[in-house]
Amino acid sequence: MTENLVRLVRKADNHLTTGFTGTPYLLFALSDHGRADVAYDL
């Protein structure tokens, strides 16, 4: 699932597509699963 999120973020050219309410959840999910690099890129 984490790699799916990473793929979607990269596909969107590291732009947020979650909206205001989903952004914190996305950042925490990426960070908690070892992908803080992707969260930082956002």
PDB file of N, CA and C in Angstrom:
ATOM      1  N   MET A   1       0.820  -1.186   0.000  1.00  0.00           N
ATOM      2  CA  MET A   1       0.000   0.000   0.000  1.00  0.00           C
ATOM      3  C   MET A   1       0.871   1.259   0.000  1.00  0.00           C
ATOM      4  N   THR A   2       1.942   1.257   0.757  1.00  0.00           N
ATOM      5  CA  THR A   2       2.811   2.433   0.807  1.00  0.00           C
ATOM      6  C   THR A   2       3.400   2.727  -0.560  1.00  0.00           C
ATOM      7  N   GLU A   3       3.836   1.692  -1.247  1.00  0.00           N
ATOM      8  CA  GLU A   3       4.418   1.911  -2.573  1.00  0.00           C
ATOM      9  C   GLU A   3       3.371   2.418  -3.561  1.00  0.00           C
ATOM     10  N   ASN A   4       2.123   2.058  -3.350  1.00  0.00           N
ATOM     11  CA  ASN A   4       1.030   2.600  -4.164  1.00  0.00           C
ATOM     12  C   ASN A   4       0.901   4.105  -3.943  1.00  0.00           C
ATOM     13  N   LEU A   5       0.978   4.529  -2.683  1.00  0.00           N
ATOM     14  CA  LEU A   5       0.929   5.960  -2.374  1.00  0.00           C
ATOM     15  C   LEU A   5       2.104   6.693  -3.003  1.00  0.00           C
ATOM     16  N   VAL A   6       3.278   6.094  -2.906  1.00  0.00           N
ATOM     17  CA  VAL A   6       4.475   6.706  -3.485  1.00  0.00           C
ATOM     18  C   VAL A   6       4.301   6.851  -4.995  1.00  0.00           C
ATOM     19  N   ARG A   7       3.796   5.822  -5.628  1.00  0.00           N
ATOM     20  CA  ARG A   7       3.582   5.860  -7.076  1.00  0.00           C
ATOM     21  C   ARG A   7       2.622   6.978  -7.461  1.00  0.00           C
ATOM     22  N   LEU A   8       1.542   7.132  -6.703  1.00  0.00           N
ATOM     23  CA  LEU A   8       0.563   8.184  -6.991  1.00  0.00           C
ATOM     24  C   LEU A   8       1.143   9.578  -6.776  1.00  0.00           C
ATOM     25  N   VAL A   9       1.939   9.733  -5.731  1.00  0.00           N
ATOM     26  CA  VAL A   9       2.574  11.031  -5.468  1.00  0.00           C
ATOM     27  C   VAL A   9       3.538  11.374  -6.591  1.00  0.00           C
ATOM     28  N   ARG A  10       4.354  10.412  -6.987  1.00  0.00           N
ATOM     29  CA  ARG A  10       5.322  10.653  -8.067  1.00  0.00           C
ATOM     30  C   ARG A  10       4.605  10.931  -9.382  1.00  0.00           C
ATOM     31  N   LYS A  11       3.507  10.226  -9.622  1.00  0.00           N
ATOM     32  CA  LYS A  11       2.730  10.426 -10.851  1.00  0.00           C
ATOM     33  C   LYS A  11       2.170  11.843 -10.918  1.00  0.00           C
ATOM     34  N   ALA A  12       1.841  12.415  -9.754  1.00  0.00           N
ATOM     35  CA  ALA A  12       1.319  13.786  -9.678  1.00  0.00           C
ATOM     36  C   ALA A  12       2.452  14.802  -9.609  1.00  0.00           C
ATOM     37  N   ASP A  13       3.672  14.372  -9.923  1.00  0.00           N
ATOM     38  CA  ASP A  13       4.848  15.241  -9.924  1.00  0.00           C
ATOM     39  C   ASP A  13       5.070  15.887  -8.557  1.00  0.00           C
ATOM     40  N   ASN A  14       4.879  15.083  -7.502  1.00  0.00           N
ATOM     41  CA  ASN A  14       5.076  15.508  -6.113  1.00  0.00           C
ATOM     42  C   ASN A  14       4.155  16.648  -5.691  1.00  0.00           C
ATOM     43  N   HIS A  15       2.988  16.715  -6.306  1.00  0.00           N
ATOM     44  CA  HIS A  15       1.991  17.709  -5.908  1.00  0.00           C
ATOM     45  C   HIS A  15       0.886  17.015  -5.119  1.00  0.00           C
ATOM     46  N   LEU A  16       0.325  17.735  -4.173  1.00  0.00           N
ATOM     47  CA  LEU A  16      -0.758  17.185  -3.365  1.00  0.00           C
ATOM     48  C   LEU A  16      -2.032  17.073  -4.186  1.00  0.00           C
ATOM     49  N   THR A  17      -2.721  15.957  -4.022  1.00  0.00           N
ATOM     50  CA  THR A  17      -4.016  15.760  -4.665  1.00  0.00           C
ATOM     51  C   THR A  17      -5.052  15.285  -3.648  1.00  0.00           C
ATOM     52  N   THR A  18      -4.732  15.465  -2.366  1.00  0.00           N
ATOM     53  CA  THR A  18      -5.574  14.917  -1.303  1.00  0.00           C
ATOM     54  C   THR A  18      -6.606  15.902  -0.784  1.00  0.00           C
ATOM     55  N   GLY A  19      -6.401  17.157  -1.029  1.00  0.00           N
ATOM     56  CA  GLY A  19      -7.267  18.153  -0.419  1.00  0.00           C
ATOM     57  C   GLY A  19      -6.774  18.485   0.977  1.00  0.00           C
ATOM     58  N   PHE A  20      -7.374  19.475   1.563  1.00  0.00           N
ATOM     59  CA  PHE A  20      -6.922  19.999   2.847  1.00  0.00           C
ATOM     60  C   PHE A  20      -6.999  18.965   3.964  1.00  0.00           C
ATOM     61  N   THR A  21      -8.099  18.230   4.038  1.00  0.00           N
ATOM     62  CA  THR A  21      -8.287  17.324   5.175  1.00  0.00           C
ATOM     63  C   THR A  21      -7.453  16.055   5.082  1.00  0.00           C
ATOM     64  N   GLY A  22      -7.103  15.620   3.891  1.00  0.00           N
ATOM     65  CA  GLY A  22      -6.357  14.378   3.746  1.00  0.00           C
ATOM     66  C   GLY A  22      -4.854  14.518   3.858  1.00  0.00           C
ATOM     67  N   THR A  23      -4.358  15.728   3.726  1.00  0.00           N
ATOM     68  CA  THR A  23      -2.912  15.947   3.685  1.00  0.00           C
ATOM     69  C   THR A  23      -2.179  15.451   4.927  1.00  0.00           C
ATOM     70  N   PRO A  24      -2.609  15.790   6.135  1.00  0.00           N
ATOM     71  CA  PRO A  24      -1.866  15.299   7.314  1.00  0.00           C
ATOM     72  C   PRO A  24      -1.816  13.772   7.384  1.00  0.00           C
ATOM     73  N   TYR A  25      -2.902  13.113   7.013  1.00  0.00           N
ATOM     74  CA  TYR A  25      -2.938  11.652   7.054  1.00  0.00           C
ATOM     75  C   TYR A  25      -1.954  11.053   6.059  1.00  0.00           C
ATOM     76  N   LEU A  26      -1.870  11.654   4.891  1.00  0.00           N
ATOM     77  CA  LEU A  26      -0.928  11.177   3.884  1.00  0.00           C
ATOM     78  C   LEU A  26       0.509  11.336   4.360  1.00  0.00           C
ATOM     79  N   LEU A  27       0.828  12.489   4.919  1.00  0.00           N
ATOM     80  CA  LEU A  27       2.191  12.740   5.392  1.00  0.00           C
ATOM     81  C   LEU A  27       2.581  11.792   6.521  1.00  0.00           C
ATOM     82  N   PHE A  28       1.674  11.594   7.474  1.00  0.00           N
ATOM     83  CA  PHE A  28       1.957  10.672   8.582  1.00  0.00           C
ATOM     84  C   PHE A  28       2.079   9.234   8.084  1.00  0.00           C
ATOM     85  N   ALA A  29       1.221   8.832   7.167  1.00  0.00           N
ATOM     86  CA  ALA A  29       1.272   7.465   6.644  1.00  0.00           C
ATOM     87  C   ALA A  29       2.601   7.209   5.944  1.00  0.00           C
ATOM     88  N   LEU A  30       3.033   8.144   5.137  1.00  0.00           N
ATOM     89  CA  LEU A  30       4.314   7.978   4.448  1.00  0.00           C
ATOM     90  C   LEU A  30       5.471   7.937   5.445  1.00  0.00           C
ATOM     91  N   SER A  31       5.471   8.844   6.399  1.00  0.00           N
ATOM     92  CA  SER A  31       6.548   8.899   7.396  1.00  0.00           C
ATOM     93  C   SER A  31       6.580   7.645   8.259  1.00  0.00           C
ATOM     94  N   ASP A  32       5.426   7.213   8.708  1.00  0.00           N
ATOM     95  CA  ASP A  32       5.344   6.039   9.582  1.00  0.00           C
ATOM     96  C   ASP A  32       5.782   4.751   8.889  1.00  0.00           C
ATOM     97  N   HIS A  33       5.729   4.740   7.567  1.00  0.00           N
ATOM     98  CA  HIS A  33       6.096   3.535   6.823  1.00  0.00           C
ATOM     99  C   HIS A  33       7.427   3.686   6.090  1.00  0.00           C
ATOM    100  N   GLY A  34       8.276   4.569   6.632  1.00  0.00           N
ATOM    101  CA  GLY A  34       9.635   4.657   6.132  1.00  0.00           C
ATOM    102  C   GLY A  34       9.829   5.458   4.862  1.00  0.00           C
ATOM    103  N   ARG A  35       8.855   6.267   4.486  1.00  0.00           N
ATOM    104  CA  ARG A  35       8.990   7.053   3.266  1.00  0.00           C
ATOM    105  C   ARG A  35       8.902   8.547   3.566  1.00  0.00           C
ATOM    106  N   ALA A  36       9.637   8.964   4.596  1.00  0.00           N
ATOM    107  CA  ALA A  36       9.692  10.386   4.952  1.00  0.00           C
ATOM    108  C   ALA A  36      10.265  11.210   3.805  1.00  0.00           C
ATOM    109  N   ASP A  37      11.087  10.583   2.971  1.00  0.00           N
ATOM    110  CA  ASP A  37      11.641  11.294   1.816  1.00  0.00           C
ATOM    111  C   ASP A  37      10.544  11.774   0.876  1.00  0.00           C
ATOM    112  N   VAL A  38       9.538  10.951   0.687  1.00  0.00           N
ATOM    113  CA  VAL A  38       8.422  11.321  -0.190  1.00  0.00           C
ATOM    114  C   VAL A  38       7.559  12.378   0.488  1.00  0.00           C
ATOM    115  N   ALA A  39       7.315  12.219   1.785  1.00  0.00           N
ATOM    116  CA  ALA A  39       6.544  13.221   2.526  1.00  0.00           C
ATOM    117  C   ALA A  39       7.243  14.575   2.454  1.00  0.00           C
ATOM    118  N   TYR A  40       8.547  14.573   2.570  1.00  0.00           N
ATOM    119  CA  TYR A  40       9.319  15.819   2.484  1.00  0.00           C
ATOM    120  C   TYR A  40       9.214  16.440   1.091  1.00  0.00           C
ATOM    121  N   ASP A  41       9.248  15.611   0.063  1.00  0.00           N
ATOM    122  CA  ASP A  41       9.147  16.115  -1.309  1.00  0.00           C
ATOM    123  C   ASP A  41       7.824  16.818  -1.571  1.00  0.00           C
ATOM    124  N   LEU A  42       6.787  16.398  -0.856  1.00  0.00           N
ATOM    125  CA  LEU A  42       5.492  17.052  -1.041  1.00  0.00           C
ATOM    126  C   LEU A  42       5.541  18.466  -0.530  1.00  0.00           C
TER     127      LEU A  42
END
